[in-house]
Amino acid sequence: MSIRYKEMEACITPFPKVASTNEVAGGELQKFPARLFAVPPRIAKGFVDGVTAETYEKDNKLWKKHVNAYKRTNKLIGTARYRNVMDMNAGLGGFAAALESPKSWVMNVVPSISKNTLGVIYERGLIGIYHDWCEGFSTYPRTYDLIHANGVFSLYRNKCNLEDILLEMDRILRPEGAVILRDEVDALNEVRKIAGGMRWDIKMMDHEDGPLVPEKILIAVKQYWVGGNGTSSEE
């Protein structure tokens, strides 16, 4: 069901009460960039279901490993070539934090059907938004240079058409921009069949830990092409 047809609820969560004037409501935040990797107050105080300081640290290490693997494949990640970046399923914001480049900014999207982690993203000093990927994203065409999607197609399987999500990605991605998809192999095989007809150059890769891991990585680059004269970036 579209998010447009749901009853509105209060969207501002009040800060927890403090015991004295020396305490900071919501928890004291470190200065940037230290707060990127410091344990966010709402995690430290147990306000995020299923997330502890230990699992948060583990998530950070995992995303540093993933981003290093991405950079070995595409050495332009973290440079001005990919200035506008989107993470379609941001989780705790680990991808954006691991990217940690002054030459890029990341729009962290928390799918409306996943766990509410947007507060954690804000406390890390990052920006983000809720969104239902069965709907169009509110931005101009060709806004983003790099789009990262972790588990998005598994998450939305049987929720809406994968073609619609891919077409929206294509709309907001600039020509010669890149896409990094990390997902289960069955989901990526479905994506590859569709994306092959979208003038994307596609490469499927094994997980960093080897071919026996069922999670795979799909790297794609949107070609620049002009209708009518047969020219494209592929040529």
C-alpha atoms as a PDB file:
ATOM      1  CA  MET A   1       0.000   0.000   0.000  1.00  0.00           C
ATOM      2  CA  SER A   2       1.248   3.489  -0.798  1.00  0.00           C
ATOM      3  CA  ILE A   3       2.502   5.569   2.123  1.00  0.00           C
ATOM      4  CA  ARG A   4       0.139   8.287   0.906  1.00  0.00           C
ATOM      5  CA  TYR A   5      -2.887   6.371   2.163  1.00  0.00           C
ATOM      6  CA  LYS A   6      -1.790   5.729   5.736  1.00  0.00           C
ATOM      7  CA  GLU A   7      -2.933   7.653   8.788  1.00  0.00           C
ATOM      8  CA  MET A   8      -0.494  10.340   9.877  1.00  0.00           C
ATOM      9  CA  GLU A   9       1.328   9.855  13.158  1.00  0.00           C
ATOM     10  CA  ALA A  10       3.533  12.092  15.252  1.00  0.00           C
ATOM     11  CA  CYS A  11       6.909  12.111  13.498  1.00  0.00           C
ATOM     12  CA  ILE A  12       8.989  13.917  16.119  1.00  0.00           C
ATOM     13  CA  THR A  13      10.291  11.688  18.902  1.00  0.00           C
ATOM     14  CA  PRO A  14      10.735  13.651  22.146  1.00  0.00           C
ATOM     15  CA  PHE A  15      14.103  13.520  23.862  1.00  0.00           C
ATOM     16  CA  PRO A  16      14.221  11.344  26.995  1.00  0.00           C
ATOM     17  CA  LYS A  17      14.025  13.202  30.297  1.00  0.00           C
ATOM     18  CA  VAL A  18      17.237  14.011  32.158  1.00  0.00           C
ATOM     19  CA  ALA A  19      17.911  13.736  35.865  1.00  0.00           C
ATOM     20  CA  SER A  20      19.958  16.927  36.266  1.00  0.00           C
ATOM     21  CA  THR A  21      20.891  20.163  34.511  1.00  0.00           C
ATOM     22  CA  ASN A  22      24.357  18.727  33.796  1.00  0.00           C
ATOM     23  CA  GLU A  23      22.937  16.070  31.460  1.00  0.00           C
ATOM     24  CA  VAL A  24      22.221  16.650  27.766  1.00  0.00           C
ATOM     25  CA  ALA A  25      18.761  15.594  26.577  1.00  0.00           C
ATOM     26  CA  GLY A  26      19.144  12.748  24.116  1.00  0.00           C
ATOM     27  CA  GLY A  27      22.816  12.272  25.000  1.00  0.00           C
ATOM     28  CA  GLU A  28      25.948  14.320  24.380  1.00  0.00           C
ATOM     29  CA  LEU A  29      27.361  14.160  20.857  1.00  0.00           C
ATOM     30  CA  GLN A  30      31.018  14.349  19.952  1.00  0.00           C
ATOM     31  CA  LYS A  31      32.254  16.888  17.434  1.00  0.00           C
ATOM     32  CA  PHE A  32      32.500  15.888  13.785  1.00  0.00           C
ATOM     33  CA  PRO A  33      34.303  13.854  12.453  1.00  0.00           C
ATOM     34  CA  ALA A  34      34.776  11.906  15.722  1.00  0.00           C
ATOM     35  CA  ARG A  35      31.015  11.390  15.980  1.00  0.00           C
ATOM     36  CA  LEU A  36      31.042   9.436  12.694  1.00  0.00           C
ATOM     37  CA  PHE A  37      32.282   6.339  14.524  1.00  0.00           C
ATOM     38  CA  ALA A  38      31.462   7.113  18.163  1.00  0.00           C
ATOM     39  CA  VAL A  39      28.602   5.043  19.584  1.00  0.00           C
ATOM     40  CA  PRO A  40      25.437   7.150  19.109  1.00  0.00           C
ATOM     41  CA  PRO A  41      23.640   7.979  22.385  1.00  0.00           C
ATOM     42  CA  ARG A  42      20.432   6.212  21.407  1.00  0.00           C
ATOM     43  CA  ILE A  43      22.371   2.986  20.820  1.00  0.00           C
ATOM     44  CA  ALA A  44      24.370   3.378  24.020  1.00  0.00           C
ATOM     45  CA  LYS A  45      21.115   3.821  25.961  1.00  0.00           C
ATOM     46  CA  GLY A  46      19.406   0.841  24.284  1.00  0.00           C
ATOM     47  CA  PHE A  47      16.761   2.812  22.387  1.00  0.00           C
ATOM     48  CA  VAL A  48      17.338   0.936  19.079  1.00  0.00           C
ATOM     49  CA  ASP A  49      15.898  -2.588  19.139  1.00  0.00           C
ATOM     50  CA  GLY A  50      18.445  -5.291  18.405  1.00  0.00           C
ATOM     51  CA  VAL A  51      21.422  -2.909  18.217  1.00  0.00           C
ATOM     52  CA  THR A  52      24.069  -2.705  20.935  1.00  0.00           C
ATOM     53  CA  ALA A  53      27.400  -0.895  21.106  1.00  0.00           C
ATOM     54  CA  GLU A  54      29.082  -4.181  20.159  1.00  0.00           C
ATOM     55  CA  THR A  55      26.922  -4.823  17.088  1.00  0.00           C
ATOM     56  CA  TYR A  56      27.375  -1.173  16.076  1.00  0.00           C
ATOM     57  CA  GLU A  57      31.170  -1.510  16.181  1.00  0.00           C
ATOM     58  CA  LYS A  58      30.923  -4.768  14.240  1.00  0.00           C
ATOM     59  CA  ASP A  59      28.786  -3.056  11.593  1.00  0.00           C
ATOM     60  CA  ASN A  60      31.386  -0.297  11.231  1.00  0.00           C
ATOM     61  CA  LYS A  61      34.180  -2.819  10.679  1.00  0.00           C
ATOM     62  CA  LEU A  62      32.085  -4.687   8.126  1.00  0.00           C
ATOM     63  CA  TRP A  63      31.363  -1.555   6.081  1.00  0.00           C
ATOM     64  CA  LYS A  64      34.994  -0.461   6.135  1.00  0.00           C
ATOM     65  CA  LYS A  65      35.802  -3.858   4.655  1.00  0.00           C
ATOM     66  CA  HIS A  66      33.050  -3.551   2.013  1.00  0.00           C
ATOM     67  CA  VAL A  67      34.034  -0.008   0.990  1.00  0.00           C
ATOM     68  CA  ASN A  68      37.715  -0.983   0.687  1.00  0.00           C
ATOM     69  CA  ALA A  69      36.622  -3.782  -1.657  1.00  0.00           C
ATOM     70  CA  TYR A  70      34.580  -1.292  -3.710  1.00  0.00           C
ATOM     71  CA  LYS A  71      37.582   1.034  -3.988  1.00  0.00           C
ATOM     72  CA  ARG A  72      39.765  -1.783  -5.277  1.00  0.00           C
ATOM     73  CA  THR A  73      37.228  -2.306  -8.065  1.00  0.00           C
ATOM     74  CA  ASN A  74      36.542   1.384  -8.768  1.00  0.00           C
ATOM     75  CA  LYS A  75      39.388   3.697  -7.763  1.00  0.00           C
ATOM     76  CA  LEU A  76      37.224   6.788  -8.402  1.00  0.00           C
ATOM     77  CA  ILE A  77      35.063   6.117  -5.316  1.00  0.00           C
ATOM     78  CA  GLY A  78      35.735   8.845  -2.778  1.00  0.00           C
ATOM     79  CA  THR A  79      36.899  11.316  -5.435  1.00  0.00           C
ATOM     80  CA  ALA A  80      35.091  14.324  -6.924  1.00  0.00           C
ATOM     81  CA  ARG A  81      33.944  12.110  -9.811  1.00  0.00           C
ATOM     82  CA  TYR A  82      31.254  10.753  -7.476  1.00  0.00           C
ATOM     83  CA  ARG A  83      30.282  13.869  -5.557  1.00  0.00           C
ATOM     84  CA  ASN A  84      26.568  13.127  -5.075  1.00  0.00           C
ATOM     85  CA  VAL A  85      26.092   9.658  -3.584  1.00  0.00           C
ATOM     86  CA  MET A  86      22.997   7.791  -2.410  1.00  0.00           C
ATOM     87  CA  ASP A  87      22.708   4.764  -0.145  1.00  0.00           C
ATOM     88  CA  MET A  88      19.271   3.239  -0.826  1.00  0.00           C
ATOM     89  CA  ASN A  89      19.220   1.085   2.322  1.00  0.00           C
ATOM     90  CA  ALA A  90      21.441   2.894   4.777  1.00  0.00           C
ATOM     91  CA  GLY A  91      20.931   0.815   7.928  1.00  0.00           C
ATOM     92  CA  LEU A  92      23.124   2.396  10.621  1.00  0.00           C
ATOM     93  CA  GLY A  93      24.902   4.636   8.097  1.00  0.00           C
ATOM     94  CA  GLY A  94      27.975   2.402   7.910  1.00  0.00           C
ATOM     95  CA  PHE A  95      28.531   2.836   4.162  1.00  0.00           C
ATOM     96  CA  ALA A  96      28.504   6.655   4.337  1.00  0.00           C
ATOM     97  CA  ALA A  97      30.764   6.696   7.391  1.00  0.00           C
ATOM     98  CA  ALA A  98      33.261   4.290   5.803  1.00  0.00           C
ATOM     99  CA  LEU A  99      33.328   6.388   2.622  1.00  0.00           C
ATOM    100  CA  GLU A 100      34.426   9.369   4.758  1.00  0.00           C
ATOM    101  CA  SER A 101      35.444  11.590   1.858  1.00  0.00           C
ATOM    102  CA  PRO A 102      35.374  15.421   1.925  1.00  0.00           C
ATOM    103  CA  LYS A 103      34.793  15.271  -1.823  1.00  0.00           C
ATOM    104  CA  SER A 104      31.483  13.378  -1.566  1.00  0.00           C
ATOM    105  CA  TRP A 105      28.225  13.611   0.374  1.00  0.00           C
ATOM    106  CA  VAL A 106      25.796  10.750   0.914  1.00  0.00           C
ATOM    107  CA  MET A 107      22.002  10.811   1.041  1.00  0.00           C
ATOM    108  CA  ASN A 108      21.181   7.963   3.451  1.00  0.00           C
ATOM    109  CA  VAL A 109      17.762   6.496   2.700  1.00  0.00           C
ATOM    110  CA  VAL A 110      15.989   4.369   5.308  1.00  0.00           C
ATOM    111  CA  PRO A 111      13.262   2.288   3.608  1.00  0.00           C
ATOM    112  CA  SER A 112       9.916   2.737   5.333  1.00  0.00           C
ATOM    113  CA  ILE A 113       9.497  -1.060   5.572  1.00  0.00           C
ATOM    114  CA  SER A 114      12.801  -1.592   7.396  1.00  0.00           C
ATOM    115  CA  LYS A 115      14.002  -0.887  10.944  1.00  0.00           C
ATOM    116  CA  ASN A 116      13.840   2.758  12.034  1.00  0.00           C
ATOM    117  CA  THR A 117      17.510   3.813  12.174  1.00  0.00           C
ATOM    118  CA  LEU A 118      17.254   7.391  10.913  1.00  0.00           C
ATOM    119  CA  GLY A 119      17.945   8.797  14.385  1.00  0.00           C
ATOM    120  CA  VAL A 120      21.241   6.900  14.507  1.00  0.00           C
ATOM    121  CA  ILE A 121      22.209   8.363  11.128  1.00  0.00           C
ATOM    122  CA  TYR A 122      21.518  11.897  12.378  1.00  0.00           C
ATOM    123  CA  GLU A 123      23.500  11.330  15.568  1.00  0.00           C
ATOM    124  CA  ARG A 124      26.482  10.273  13.454  1.00  0.00           C
ATOM    125  CA  GLY A 125      26.417  13.695  11.797  1.00  0.00           C
ATOM    126  CA  LEU A 126      25.018  12.332   8.526  1.00  0.00           C
ATOM    127  CA  ILE A 127      21.888  13.263   6.583  1.00  0.00           C
ATOM    128  CA  GLY A 128      19.047  10.966   5.666  1.00  0.00           C
ATOM    129  CA  ILE A 129      15.407  10.457   4.817  1.00  0.00           C
ATOM    130  CA  TYR A 130      12.647   7.835   4.964  1.00  0.00           C
ATOM    131  CA  HIS A 131      11.378   6.504   1.655  1.00  0.00           C
ATOM    132  CA  ASP A 132       9.302   3.699   0.158  1.00  0.00           C
ATOM    133  CA  TRP A 133      11.128   2.450  -2.945  1.00  0.00           C
ATOM    134  CA  CYS A 134       7.829   1.323  -4.448  1.00  0.00           C
ATOM    135  CA  GLU A 135       7.305   5.079  -4.985  1.00  0.00           C
ATOM    136  CA  GLY A 136       9.279   7.662  -6.941  1.00  0.00           C
ATOM    137  CA  PHE A 137      12.025   9.517  -5.061  1.00  0.00           C
ATOM    138  CA  SER A 138      11.571  13.279  -4.738  1.00  0.00           C
ATOM    139  CA  THR A 139      14.547  14.668  -6.653  1.00  0.00           C
ATOM    140  CA  TYR A 140      15.487  15.911 -10.116  1.00  0.00           C
ATOM    141  CA  PRO A 141      16.599  13.492 -12.845  1.00  0.00           C
ATOM    142  CA  ARG A 142      20.348  12.838 -13.007  1.00  0.00           C
ATOM    143  CA  THR A 143      20.948  14.019  -9.424  1.00  0.00           C
ATOM    144  CA  TYR A 144      23.312  11.276  -8.259  1.00  0.00           C
ATOM    145  CA  ASP A 145      26.744  10.173  -9.482  1.00  0.00           C
ATOM    146  CA  LEU A 146      26.859   6.927  -7.488  1.00  0.00           C
ATOM    147  CA  ILE A 147      24.032   4.816  -6.073  1.00  0.00           C
ATOM    148  CA  HIS A 148      24.669   2.071  -3.522  1.00  0.00           C
ATOM    149  CA  ALA A 149      21.989  -0.483  -2.665  1.00  0.00           C
ATOM    150  CA  ASN A 150      22.492  -3.180  -0.040  1.00  0.00           C
ATOM    151  CA  GLY A 151      19.749  -5.812   0.055  1.00  0.00           C
ATOM    152  CA  VAL A 152      17.164  -3.503  -1.521  1.00  0.00           C
ATOM    153  CA  PHE A 153      15.865  -5.996  -4.070  1.00  0.00           C
ATOM    154  CA  SER A 154      15.521  -8.799  -1.531  1.00  0.00           C
ATOM    155  CA  LEU A 155      13.739  -6.374   0.795  1.00  0.00           C
ATOM    156  CA  TYR A 156      11.205  -5.326  -1.857  1.00  0.00           C
ATOM    157  CA  ARG A 157      10.705  -8.697  -3.504  1.00  0.00           C
ATOM    158  CA  ASN A 158       6.923  -9.365  -3.694  1.00  0.00           C
ATOM    159  CA  LYS A 159       6.292  -5.778  -2.530  1.00  0.00           C
ATOM    160  CA  CYS A 160       6.485  -4.087  -5.942  1.00  0.00           C
ATOM    161  CA  ASN A 161       8.026  -4.607  -9.383  1.00  0.00           C
ATOM    162  CA  LEU A 162      11.813  -4.647  -9.467  1.00  0.00           C
ATOM    163  CA  GLU A 163      11.596  -2.960 -12.879  1.00  0.00           C
ATOM    164  CA  ASP A 164      10.018   0.096 -11.264  1.00  0.00           C
ATOM    165  CA  ILE A 165      12.831   0.411  -8.721  1.00  0.00           C
ATOM    166  CA  LEU A 166      15.487   0.044 -11.434  1.00  0.00           C
ATOM    167  CA  LEU A 167      13.805   2.624 -13.661  1.00  0.00           C
ATOM    168  CA  GLU A 168      13.698   5.094 -10.771  1.00  0.00           C
ATOM    169  CA  MET A 169      17.397   4.452 -10.138  1.00  0.00           C
ATOM    170  CA  ASP A 170      18.085   5.081 -13.823  1.00  0.00           C
ATOM    171  CA  ARG A 171      16.105   8.345 -13.695  1.00  0.00           C
ATOM    172  CA  ILE A 172      18.048   9.829 -10.782  1.00  0.00           C
ATOM    173  CA  LEU A 173      21.470   8.548 -11.928  1.00  0.00           C
ATOM    174  CA  ARG A 174      23.521  10.768 -14.229  1.00  0.00           C
ATOM    175  CA  PRO A 175      24.910   9.331 -17.480  1.00  0.00           C
ATOM    176  CA  GLU A 176      28.207   7.536 -16.842  1.00  0.00           C
ATOM    177  CA  GLY A 177      27.268   7.328 -13.158  1.00  0.00           C
ATOM    178  CA  ALA A 178      27.817   4.078 -11.282  1.00  0.00           C
ATOM    179  CA  VAL A 179      25.642   1.644  -9.344  1.00  0.00           C
ATOM    180  CA  ILE A 180      26.810  -0.829  -6.689  1.00  0.00           C
ATOM    181  CA  LEU A 181      24.289  -3.492  -5.713  1.00  0.00           C
ATOM    182  CA  ARG A 182      24.985  -5.957  -2.878  1.00  0.00           C
ATOM    183  CA  ASP A 183      22.362  -8.677  -2.498  1.00  0.00           C
ATOM    184  CA  GLU A 184      21.543 -12.375  -2.610  1.00  0.00           C
ATOM    185  CA  VAL A 185      22.555 -13.984  -5.890  1.00  0.00           C
ATOM    186  CA  ASP A 186      18.956 -14.851  -6.897  1.00  0.00           C
ATOM    187  CA  ALA A 187      17.863 -11.229  -6.541  1.00  0.00           C
ATOM    188  CA  LEU A 188      20.850  -9.948  -8.511  1.00  0.00           C
ATOM    189  CA  ASN A 189      20.256 -12.444 -11.311  1.00  0.00           C
ATOM    190  CA  GLU A 190      16.747 -11.000 -11.702  1.00  0.00           C
ATOM    191  CA  VAL A 191      18.178  -7.489 -11.692  1.00  0.00           C
ATOM    192  CA  ARG A 192      20.802  -8.382 -14.283  1.00  0.00           C
ATOM    193  CA  LYS A 193      18.166  -9.611 -16.731  1.00  0.00           C
ATOM    194  CA  ILE A 194      16.297  -6.312 -16.511  1.00  0.00           C
ATOM    195  CA  ALA A 195      19.298  -3.964 -16.353  1.00  0.00           C
ATOM    196  CA  GLY A 196      20.772  -5.517 -19.488  1.00  0.00           C
ATOM    197  CA  GLY A 197      18.068  -3.758 -21.502  1.00  0.00           C
ATOM    198  CA  MET A 198      18.645  -0.397 -19.812  1.00  0.00           C
ATOM    199  CA  ARG A 199      21.979   0.440 -21.480  1.00  0.00           C
ATOM    200  CA  TRP A 200      23.905  -0.287 -18.286  1.00  0.00           C
ATOM    201  CA  ASP A 201      27.335  -1.884 -18.515  1.00  0.00           C
ATOM    202  CA  ILE A 202      27.130  -4.676 -15.940  1.00  0.00           C
ATOM    203  CA  LYS A 203      29.641  -6.808 -14.093  1.00  0.00           C
ATOM    204  CA  MET A 204      28.760  -9.429 -11.465  1.00  0.00           C
ATOM    205  CA  MET A 205      31.361 -10.095  -8.777  1.00  0.00           C
ATOM    206  CA  ASP A 206      31.831 -12.548  -5.925  1.00  0.00           C
ATOM    207  CA  HIS A 207      31.720 -11.480  -2.297  1.00  0.00           C
ATOM    208  CA  GLU A 208      35.037 -10.300  -0.823  1.00  0.00           C
ATOM    209  CA  ASP A 209      35.189 -13.530   1.194  1.00  0.00           C
ATOM    210  CA  GLY A 210      35.003 -15.751  -1.875  1.00  0.00           C
ATOM    211  CA  PRO A 211      32.622 -17.441  -4.337  1.00  0.00           C
ATOM    212  CA  LEU A 212      30.958 -19.686  -1.742  1.00  0.00           C
ATOM    213  CA  VAL A 213      29.237 -16.730  -0.054  1.00  0.00           C
ATOM    214  CA  PRO A 214      25.641 -16.461  -1.432  1.00  0.00           C
ATOM    215  CA  GLU A 215      25.766 -12.655  -1.314  1.00  0.00           C
ATOM    216  CA  LYS A 216      27.166 -11.171  -4.542  1.00  0.00           C
ATOM    217  CA  ILE A 217      28.006  -7.698  -5.871  1.00  0.00           C
ATOM    218  CA  LEU A 218      26.748  -6.199  -9.118  1.00  0.00           C
ATOM    219  CA  ILE A 219      28.606  -3.181 -10.502  1.00  0.00           C
ATOM    220  CA  ALA A 220      26.978  -1.161 -13.283  1.00  0.00           C
ATOM    221  CA  VAL A 221      27.714   2.029 -15.208  1.00  0.00           C
ATOM    222  CA  LYS A 222      24.955   3.932 -16.965  1.00  0.00           C
ATOM    223  CA  GLN A 223      25.974   4.617 -20.544  1.00  0.00           C
ATOM    224  CA  TYR A 224      25.749   8.065 -22.070  1.00  0.00           C
ATOM    225  CA  TRP A 225      23.750   7.726 -25.251  1.00  0.00           C
ATOM    226  CA  VAL A 226      21.788   9.926 -27.634  1.00  0.00           C
ATOM    227  CA  GLY A 227      18.773   8.567 -29.488  1.00  0.00           C
ATOM    228  CA  GLY A 228      18.753   8.684 -33.242  1.00  0.00           C
ATOM    229  CA  ASN A 229      22.419   8.580 -34.216  1.00  0.00           C
ATOM    230  CA  GLY A 230      23.536   5.401 -32.491  1.00  0.00           C
ATOM    231  CA  THR A 231      26.166   7.079 -30.293  1.00  0.00           C
ATOM    232  CA  SER A 232      26.831   6.018 -26.721  1.00  0.00           C
ATOM    233  CA  SER A 233      29.613   6.001 -24.142  1.00  0.00           C
ATOM    234  CA  GLU A 234      30.149   2.336 -24.974  1.00  0.00           C
ATOM    235  CA  GLU A 235      31.462   3.397 -28.389  1.00  0.00           C
END
